[in-house]
Structures are given as structure tokens and as C-alpha cells.
């Protein structure tokens, strides 16, 4: 029979496992680090897995497939089989009140409190529909930057939602994910913190293309940091 089914783009899949947890029918599993539709007759075609995929690897298609096996799925769910979930991809918003207490305590003990407001921080793992992007000032930083600049938390992360990545090491282009984030939310401003090395230019180029693709006007500031930790411009 012809019916609506999901399809998974292996190249886009990062193996986070969020779709496995979201699928209430046990139709999806991880094989060699990639999400795979294990049983077509277990897929109801409703797509609970679509909104949780951080890379946009899952989509719908109309094709020949066996009918949804409701009885087998109910039996499977009755057995309460555990499903895989990657803690590193779980969306989390930090409590700002506790952060203030930590900051106060940190001043007395000469320790710096973290200013991170949300999780995850990797561009590849961030879900475009995450609520923490609503009306935020966004920091998109090269992952080396925080190691180079000693006061990175207070100078850059403070009061911003933070995403990090490395255009030289990460596969694929950030522009598609970032444009989805920009298009889905009212972003107040974007700050790019990049290193002075040429390969880091891919970060601000991706951000500029993403803003253009989103069709929105978003204030953008690009800050370059030297390998010695100095802010160059």
C-alpha cells in the first residue's frame, strides 16, 4: 500500500539517538552510529521523530510500505523495552537564580562562575525549535576561542545563548542549521567569536549566509581573537 513514511538521510544523521527516544512505536534504532528505520510496519507515519532531530535528517515521503502493525506495536510497548537516549543532546535551560548565587560565592572565593545559559552548545546538536532561542542574543563561537581568551564567559557568554563549532573539523555546513534557527525565532542579535586563523572564517561566512537565507534583518558583530587571547577587532 502507498502511505506516508519517514525517511532518514544518513549523511545528515549525527547519531544523537533523540529520534529513537521520540518514536513511541520502536520503529527506529541506531545501526553503526546512524539512525535507521528498523521496521516499516512499526512506523505509523505521524513523525514524532521529526521535530526532535537536530540536523534535519528526517523527512516524510509517500511510498509503498506495509500497513502499520498496531497489534505488534502494542505488544512491543507492553514489554517496555528500553530506548536509547543521548544525554549530551538533551535540551536544558540553566536556572539563572542559582547562577547568581554561584557568582556571589565565586567572588568571595576568587573562582569564576559559569555563565552558560543552556545545553547543548554544539551547533550540530542544537535543535532549531528549542525554546531558549526565543528573543535571545546569540553567541556563535569557535570552540578554540574559550580556551584562548581567559575571560570568555564574562566577555562573551554572559547573557547570551551560546553555540560553538569548528568549521575545519565538523562535517557539513552550518548555514542550513543556523538559517532554520534564525527563521524560527526572533533573534535580537548575533555575535560571532572566531579565532584569527583563516579556516575560522568559515564560521562567520556561514552565519552571514544563514541570516540572508532566513530573510530576516539581525544585527551581527564579528569578533576576532588571537591565539594569545587578545581581542583583535
C-alpha atoms as a PDB file:
ATOM      1  CA  UNK A   1       0.000   0.000   0.000  1.00  0.00           C
ATOM      2  CA  UNK A   2       1.055   3.623  -0.565  1.00  0.00           C
ATOM      3  CA  UNK A   3       1.274   5.588   2.654  1.00  0.00           C
ATOM      4  CA  UNK A   4       3.226   8.343   4.387  1.00  0.00           C
ATOM      5  CA  UNK A   5       6.518   7.167   5.856  1.00  0.00           C
ATOM      6  CA  UNK A   6       9.621   8.722   7.304  1.00  0.00           C
ATOM      7  CA  UNK A   7      12.946   8.657   5.522  1.00  0.00           C
ATOM      8  CA  UNK A   8      16.332   9.233   7.186  1.00  0.00           C
ATOM      9  CA  UNK A   9      19.261  10.929   5.466  1.00  0.00           C
ATOM     10  CA  UNK A  10      22.308   9.003   6.697  1.00  0.00           C
ATOM     11  CA  UNK A  11      24.709  11.801   5.739  1.00  0.00           C
ATOM     12  CA  UNK A  12      22.856  14.342   7.894  1.00  0.00           C
ATOM     13  CA  UNK A  13      22.330  11.991  10.866  1.00  0.00           C
ATOM     14  CA  UNK A  14      24.758  12.615  13.744  1.00  0.00           C
ATOM     15  CA  UNK A  15      23.720   9.551  15.750  1.00  0.00           C
ATOM     16  CA  UNK A  16      22.370  11.506  18.741  1.00  0.00           C
ATOM     17  CA  UNK A  17      19.533   8.993  19.294  1.00  0.00           C
ATOM     18  CA  UNK A  18      16.815  11.567  20.045  1.00  0.00           C
ATOM     19  CA  UNK A  19      14.579  10.136  17.311  1.00  0.00           C
ATOM     20  CA  UNK A  20      14.891   6.686  18.864  1.00  0.00           C
ATOM     21  CA  UNK A  21      13.548   8.023  22.157  1.00  0.00           C
ATOM     22  CA  UNK A  22      10.814  10.056  20.441  1.00  0.00           C
ATOM     23  CA  UNK A  23       9.476   7.118  18.420  1.00  0.00           C
ATOM     24  CA  UNK A  24       6.691   5.598  20.519  1.00  0.00           C
ATOM     25  CA  UNK A  25       6.460   2.524  18.291  1.00  0.00           C
ATOM     26  CA  UNK A  26      10.054   1.292  18.441  1.00  0.00           C
ATOM     27  CA  UNK A  27      10.453   1.641  14.676  1.00  0.00           C
ATOM     28  CA  UNK A  28      13.817   3.442  14.785  1.00  0.00           C
ATOM     29  CA  UNK A  29      17.153   2.198  16.068  1.00  0.00           C
ATOM     30  CA  UNK A  30      20.848   3.039  15.815  1.00  0.00           C
ATOM     31  CA  UNK A  31      22.995   0.943  13.481  1.00  0.00           C
ATOM     32  CA  UNK A  32      26.705   1.734  13.225  1.00  0.00           C
ATOM     33  CA  UNK A  33      26.096   5.111  14.841  1.00  0.00           C
ATOM     34  CA  UNK A  34      23.294   6.147  12.473  1.00  0.00           C
ATOM     35  CA  UNK A  35      19.506   6.216  12.889  1.00  0.00           C
ATOM     36  CA  UNK A  36      17.747   3.560  10.813  1.00  0.00           C
ATOM     37  CA  UNK A  37      14.076   2.686  10.227  1.00  0.00           C
ATOM     38  CA  UNK A  38      14.179  -0.895  11.527  1.00  0.00           C
ATOM     39  CA  UNK A  39      10.575  -1.914  10.870  1.00  0.00           C
ATOM     40  CA  UNK A  40       8.372  -0.203   8.285  1.00  0.00           C
ATOM     41  CA  UNK A  41       5.292  -1.872   9.760  1.00  0.00           C
ATOM     42  CA  UNK A  42       6.111  -0.280  13.141  1.00  0.00           C
ATOM     43  CA  UNK A  43       6.168   3.257  11.687  1.00  0.00           C
ATOM     44  CA  UNK A  44       2.784   4.978  11.967  1.00  0.00           C
ATOM     45  CA  UNK A  45       3.895   7.786   9.643  1.00  0.00           C
ATOM     46  CA  UNK A  46       2.946  10.537  12.109  1.00  0.00           C
ATOM     47  CA  UNK A  47       6.527  11.724  12.536  1.00  0.00           C
ATOM     48  CA  UNK A  48       7.013  12.262  16.281  1.00  0.00           C
ATOM     49  CA  UNK A  49      10.695  11.891  15.455  1.00  0.00           C
ATOM     50  CA  UNK A  50      10.837  14.867  13.055  1.00  0.00           C
ATOM     51  CA  UNK A  51      10.816  17.827  15.483  1.00  0.00           C
ATOM     52  CA  UNK A  52      13.493  16.375  17.782  1.00  0.00           C
ATOM     53  CA  UNK A  53      16.070  15.757  15.048  1.00  0.00           C
ATOM     54  CA  UNK A  54      18.761  18.453  15.488  1.00  0.00           C
ATOM     55  CA  UNK A  55      20.199  18.026  11.980  1.00  0.00           C
ATOM     56  CA  UNK A  56      17.043  17.826   9.856  1.00  0.00           C
ATOM     57  CA  UNK A  57      17.905  14.295   8.758  1.00  0.00           C
ATOM     58  CA  UNK A  58      14.296  13.036   8.931  1.00  0.00           C
ATOM     59  CA  UNK A  59      11.560  13.882   6.443  1.00  0.00           C
ATOM     60  CA  UNK A  60       8.286  12.463   5.054  1.00  0.00           C
ATOM     61  CA  UNK A  61       7.743  10.641   1.791  1.00  0.00           C
ATOM     62  CA  UNK A  62       4.817   8.850   0.131  1.00  0.00           C
ATOM     63  CA  UNK A  63       5.864   5.352  -0.906  1.00  0.00           C
ATOM     64  CA  UNK A  64       4.989   1.666  -0.957  1.00  0.00           C
ATOM     65  CA  UNK A  65       5.138   0.223   2.553  1.00  0.00           C
ATOM     66  CA  UNK A  66       3.414  -2.468   4.634  1.00  0.00           C
ATOM     67  CA  UNK A  67       0.449  -1.410   6.753  1.00  0.00           C
ATOM     68  CA  UNK A  68       1.064  -0.158  10.275  1.00  0.00           C
ATOM     69  CA  UNK A  69       1.022  -3.200  12.585  1.00  0.00           C
ATOM     70  CA  UNK A  70      -0.853  -1.778  15.564  1.00  0.00           C
ATOM     71  CA  UNK A  71      -1.128  -5.085  17.429  1.00  0.00           C
ATOM     72  CA  UNK A  72       2.585  -5.862  17.232  1.00  0.00           C
ATOM     73  CA  UNK A  73       3.480  -2.331  18.332  1.00  0.00           C
ATOM     74  CA  UNK A  74       1.159  -2.537  21.342  1.00  0.00           C
ATOM     75  CA  UNK A  75       2.779  -5.838  22.288  1.00  0.00           C
ATOM     76  CA  UNK A  76       6.245  -4.337  21.960  1.00  0.00           C
ATOM     77  CA  UNK A  77       5.380  -1.310  24.051  1.00  0.00           C
ATOM     78  CA  UNK A  78       3.799  -3.563  26.654  1.00  0.00           C
ATOM     79  CA  UNK A  79       7.169  -5.210  27.112  1.00  0.00           C
ATOM     80  CA  UNK A  80       8.574  -1.742  27.975  1.00  0.00           C
ATOM     81  CA  UNK A  81      11.757  -2.170  26.027  1.00  0.00           C
ATOM     82  CA  UNK A  82      14.321   0.495  26.977  1.00  0.00           C
ATOM     83  CA  UNK A  83      15.232   3.000  24.287  1.00  0.00           C
ATOM     84  CA  UNK A  84      18.484   4.806  23.669  1.00  0.00           C
ATOM     85  CA  UNK A  85      18.817   8.453  24.592  1.00  0.00           C
ATOM     86  CA  UNK A  86      21.937  10.577  24.347  1.00  0.00           C
ATOM     87  CA  UNK A  87      22.257  12.765  27.492  1.00  0.00           C
ATOM     88  CA  UNK A  88      24.572  15.084  25.590  1.00  0.00           C
ATOM     89  CA  UNK A  89      21.704  16.137  23.297  1.00  0.00           C
ATOM     90  CA  UNK A  90      19.063  16.685  25.975  1.00  0.00           C
ATOM     91  CA  UNK A  91      17.758  20.277  25.966  1.00  0.00           C
ATOM     92  CA  UNK A  92      18.427  22.026  29.263  1.00  0.00           C
ATOM     93  CA  UNK A  93      17.974  25.603  30.450  1.00  0.00           C
ATOM     94  CA  UNK A  94      20.139  26.739  33.341  1.00  0.00           C
ATOM     95  CA  UNK A  95      18.452  28.346  36.356  1.00  0.00           C
ATOM     96  CA  UNK A  96      19.584  31.952  36.459  1.00  0.00           C
ATOM     97  CA  UNK A  97      18.850  32.350  40.194  1.00  0.00           C
ATOM     98  CA  UNK A  98      21.304  29.615  41.090  1.00  0.00           C
ATOM     99  CA  UNK A  99      23.814  31.222  38.726  1.00  0.00           C
ATOM    100  CA  UNK A 100      23.591  34.481  40.679  1.00  0.00           C
ATOM    101  CA  UNK A 101      24.268  32.611  43.925  1.00  0.00           C
ATOM    102  CA  UNK A 102      27.234  30.879  42.328  1.00  0.00           C
ATOM    103  CA  UNK A 103      28.569  34.195  41.058  1.00  0.00           C
ATOM    104  CA  UNK A 104      28.302  35.760  44.523  1.00  0.00           C
ATOM    105  CA  UNK A 105      30.065  32.808  46.065  1.00  0.00           C
ATOM    106  CA  UNK A 106      32.672  32.870  43.325  1.00  0.00           C
ATOM    107  CA  UNK A 107      33.588  36.483  44.099  1.00  0.00           C
ATOM    108  CA  UNK A 108      34.369  35.576  47.680  1.00  0.00           C
ATOM    109  CA  UNK A 109      36.457  32.546  46.773  1.00  0.00           C
ATOM    110  CA  UNK A 110      38.117  34.083  43.669  1.00  0.00           C
ATOM    111  CA  UNK A 111      36.555  31.430  41.441  1.00  0.00           C
ATOM    112  CA  UNK A 112      34.766  32.265  38.217  1.00  0.00           C
ATOM    113  CA  UNK A 113      31.145  31.121  37.881  1.00  0.00           C
ATOM    114  CA  UNK A 114      29.951  29.671  34.589  1.00  0.00           C
ATOM    115  CA  UNK A 115      27.718  31.987  32.572  1.00  0.00           C
ATOM    116  CA  UNK A 116      26.343  29.232  30.339  1.00  0.00           C
ATOM    117  CA  UNK A 117      22.572  29.532  30.000  1.00  0.00           C
ATOM    118  CA  UNK A 118      21.580  26.415  28.039  1.00  0.00           C
ATOM    119  CA  UNK A 119      22.544  22.955  26.789  1.00  0.00           C
ATOM    120  CA  UNK A 120      23.556  21.612  24.292  1.00  0.00           C
ATOM    121  CA  UNK A 121      26.089  24.093  22.942  1.00  0.00           C
ATOM    122  CA  UNK A 122      27.378  22.272  19.856  1.00  0.00           C
ATOM    123  CA  UNK A 123      25.842  23.694  16.675  1.00  0.00           C
ATOM    124  CA  UNK A 124      25.416  20.167  15.313  1.00  0.00           C
ATOM    125  CA  UNK A 125      23.432  19.052  18.382  1.00  0.00           C
ATOM    126  CA  UNK A 126      21.227  22.111  18.881  1.00  0.00           C
ATOM    127  CA  UNK A 127      17.557  21.649  17.981  1.00  0.00           C
ATOM    128  CA  UNK A 128      16.294  24.527  15.772  1.00  0.00           C
ATOM    129  CA  UNK A 129      12.956  24.556  17.629  1.00  0.00           C
ATOM    130  CA  UNK A 130      14.495  24.847  21.135  1.00  0.00           C
ATOM    131  CA  UNK A 131      12.615  27.435  23.185  1.00  0.00           C
ATOM    132  CA  UNK A 132      15.775  29.025  24.570  1.00  0.00           C
ATOM    133  CA  UNK A 133      16.368  30.684  21.175  1.00  0.00           C
ATOM    134  CA  UNK A 134      13.246  32.850  21.578  1.00  0.00           C
ATOM    135  CA  UNK A 135      14.168  36.555  21.815  1.00  0.00           C
ATOM    136  CA  UNK A 136      17.780  35.782  22.662  1.00  0.00           C
ATOM    137  CA  UNK A 137      21.118  37.416  21.997  1.00  0.00           C
ATOM    138  CA  UNK A 138      23.045  34.611  20.330  1.00  0.00           C
ATOM    139  CA  UNK A 139      26.764  33.874  20.549  1.00  0.00           C
ATOM    140  CA  UNK A 140      28.241  31.636  17.862  1.00  0.00           C
ATOM    141  CA  UNK A 141      31.826  30.852  18.796  1.00  0.00           C
ATOM    142  CA  UNK A 142      34.751  28.866  17.515  1.00  0.00           C
ATOM    143  CA  UNK A 143      35.337  26.163  20.112  1.00  0.00           C
ATOM    144  CA  UNK A 144      39.009  27.207  20.474  1.00  0.00           C
ATOM    145  CA  UNK A 145      38.027  30.745  21.454  1.00  0.00           C
ATOM    146  CA  UNK A 146      37.059  29.913  25.024  1.00  0.00           C
ATOM    147  CA  UNK A 147      40.474  28.339  25.592  1.00  0.00           C
ATOM    148  CA  UNK A 148      42.338  31.291  24.104  1.00  0.00           C
ATOM    149  CA  UNK A 149      40.516  34.162  25.826  1.00  0.00           C
ATOM    150  CA  UNK A 150      40.806  33.957  29.607  1.00  0.00           C
ATOM    151  CA  UNK A 151      37.609  35.854  30.480  1.00  0.00           C
ATOM    152  CA  UNK A 152      35.471  34.299  27.742  1.00  0.00           C
ATOM    153  CA  UNK A 153      32.476  33.567  29.996  1.00  0.00           C
ATOM    154  CA  UNK A 154      32.081  37.135  31.248  1.00  0.00           C
ATOM    155  CA  UNK A 155      33.066  38.832  27.989  1.00  0.00           C
ATOM    156  CA  UNK A 156      31.073  36.703  25.549  1.00  0.00           C
ATOM    157  CA  UNK A 157      28.820  34.033  27.102  1.00  0.00           C
ATOM    158  CA  UNK A 158      27.232  36.223  29.784  1.00  0.00           C
ATOM    159  CA  UNK A 159      23.548  36.985  28.965  1.00  0.00           C
ATOM    160  CA  UNK A 160      23.749  35.132  25.654  1.00  0.00           C
ATOM    161  CA  UNK A 161      22.644  31.746  24.313  1.00  0.00           C
ATOM    162  CA  UNK A 162      25.836  30.025  23.170  1.00  0.00           C
ATOM    163  CA  UNK A 163      26.575  27.767  20.213  1.00  0.00           C
ATOM    164  CA  UNK A 164      30.050  26.500  19.342  1.00  0.00           C
ATOM    165  CA  UNK A 165      31.661  24.703  16.435  1.00  0.00           C
ATOM    166  CA  UNK A 166      34.773  24.276  14.322  1.00  0.00           C
ATOM    167  CA  UNK A 167      34.297  24.728  10.562  1.00  0.00           C
ATOM    168  CA  UNK A 168      37.562  22.884   9.866  1.00  0.00           C
ATOM    169  CA  UNK A 169      36.754  19.746  11.883  1.00  0.00           C
ATOM    170  CA  UNK A 170      32.950  19.478  11.687  1.00  0.00           C
ATOM    171  CA  UNK A 171      31.455  17.831   8.624  1.00  0.00           C
ATOM    172  CA  UNK A 172      28.916  19.738   6.570  1.00  0.00           C
ATOM    173  CA  UNK A 173      27.867  23.375   6.516  1.00  0.00           C
ATOM    174  CA  UNK A 174      26.438  25.261   9.494  1.00  0.00           C
ATOM    175  CA  UNK A 175      24.389  27.617   7.327  1.00  0.00           C
ATOM    176  CA  UNK A 176      21.389  25.299   6.914  1.00  0.00           C
ATOM    177  CA  UNK A 177      21.006  24.651  10.663  1.00  0.00           C
ATOM    178  CA  UNK A 178      21.562  28.298  11.578  1.00  0.00           C
ATOM    179  CA  UNK A 179      19.102  29.593   8.970  1.00  0.00           C
ATOM    180  CA  UNK A 180      16.464  27.267  10.442  1.00  0.00           C
ATOM    181  CA  UNK A 181      17.147  28.721  13.900  1.00  0.00           C
ATOM    182  CA  UNK A 182      17.012  32.315  12.615  1.00  0.00           C
ATOM    183  CA  UNK A 183      13.823  31.694  10.636  1.00  0.00           C
ATOM    184  CA  UNK A 184      12.018  30.037  13.560  1.00  0.00           C
ATOM    185  CA  UNK A 185      12.824  32.585  16.262  1.00  0.00           C
ATOM    186  CA  UNK A 186      13.143  36.310  16.857  1.00  0.00           C
ATOM    187  CA  UNK A 187      16.887  36.588  17.465  1.00  0.00           C
ATOM    188  CA  UNK A 188      17.803  40.014  18.876  1.00  0.00           C
ATOM    189  CA  UNK A 189      21.460  39.917  17.855  1.00  0.00           C
ATOM    190  CA  UNK A 190      24.229  37.562  16.798  1.00  0.00           C
ATOM    191  CA  UNK A 191      27.843  37.788  17.960  1.00  0.00           C
ATOM    192  CA  UNK A 192      30.448  35.621  16.251  1.00  0.00           C
ATOM    193  CA  UNK A 193      33.631  34.978  18.252  1.00  0.00           C
ATOM    194  CA  UNK A 194      36.217  33.476  15.909  1.00  0.00           C
ATOM    195  CA  UNK A 195      39.937  32.834  16.009  1.00  0.00           C
ATOM    196  CA  UNK A 196      42.397  34.711  13.763  1.00  0.00           C
ATOM    197  CA  UNK A 197      43.302  31.579  11.769  1.00  0.00           C
ATOM    198  CA  UNK A 198      41.948  31.626   8.175  1.00  0.00           C
ATOM    199  CA  UNK A 199      39.935  28.401   8.466  1.00  0.00           C
ATOM    200  CA  UNK A 200      37.834  30.024  11.200  1.00  0.00           C
ATOM    201  CA  UNK A 201      36.447  32.381   8.571  1.00  0.00           C
ATOM    202  CA  UNK A 202      34.039  29.614   7.608  1.00  0.00           C
ATOM    203  CA  UNK A 203      32.134  30.342  10.818  1.00  0.00           C
ATOM    204  CA  UNK A 204      31.202  33.954  10.128  1.00  0.00           C
ATOM    205  CA  UNK A 205      30.639  33.210   6.429  1.00  0.00           C
ATOM    206  CA  UNK A 206      28.085  30.522   7.415  1.00  0.00           C
ATOM    207  CA  UNK A 207      26.370  32.914   9.820  1.00  0.00           C
ATOM    208  CA  UNK A 208      26.089  35.641   7.169  1.00  0.00           C
ATOM    209  CA  UNK A 209      24.648  33.206   4.622  1.00  0.00           C
ATOM    210  CA  UNK A 210      22.213  31.868   7.225  1.00  0.00           C
ATOM    211  CA  UNK A 211      20.928  35.345   8.071  1.00  0.00           C
ATOM    212  CA  UNK A 212      20.394  36.059   4.378  1.00  0.00           C
ATOM    213  CA  UNK A 213      18.617  32.713   3.845  1.00  0.00           C
ATOM    214  CA  UNK A 214      16.319  33.344   6.834  1.00  0.00           C
ATOM    215  CA  UNK A 215      15.031  36.533   5.220  1.00  0.00           C
ATOM    216  CA  UNK A 216      15.448  38.472   8.464  1.00  0.00           C
ATOM    217  CA  UNK A 217      17.482  41.507   9.466  1.00  0.00           C
ATOM    218  CA  UNK A 218      19.571  40.519  12.502  1.00  0.00           C
ATOM    219  CA  UNK A 219      22.339  42.729  13.928  1.00  0.00           C
ATOM    220  CA  UNK A 220      25.680  40.911  13.559  1.00  0.00           C
ATOM    221  CA  UNK A 221      29.023  41.547  15.247  1.00  0.00           C
ATOM    222  CA  UNK A 222      32.161  39.540  14.434  1.00  0.00           C
ATOM    223  CA  UNK A 223      34.980  39.485  16.990  1.00  0.00           C
ATOM    224  CA  UNK A 224      38.390  38.008  16.150  1.00  0.00           C
ATOM    225  CA  UNK A 225      40.617  36.578  18.885  1.00  0.00           C
ATOM    226  CA  UNK A 226      44.337  35.914  18.584  1.00  0.00           C
ATOM    227  CA  UNK A 227      45.977  32.667  19.648  1.00  0.00           C
ATOM    228  CA  UNK A 228      47.392  34.652  22.607  1.00  0.00           C
ATOM    229  CA  UNK A 229      43.846  35.506  23.668  1.00  0.00           C
ATOM    230  CA  UNK A 230      43.791  39.151  22.604  1.00  0.00           C
ATOM    231  CA  UNK A 231      40.664  40.644  21.038  1.00  0.00           C
ATOM    232  CA  UNK A 232      41.873  41.965  17.692  1.00  0.00           C
ATOM    233  CA  UNK A 233      38.695  43.531  16.329  1.00  0.00           C
END
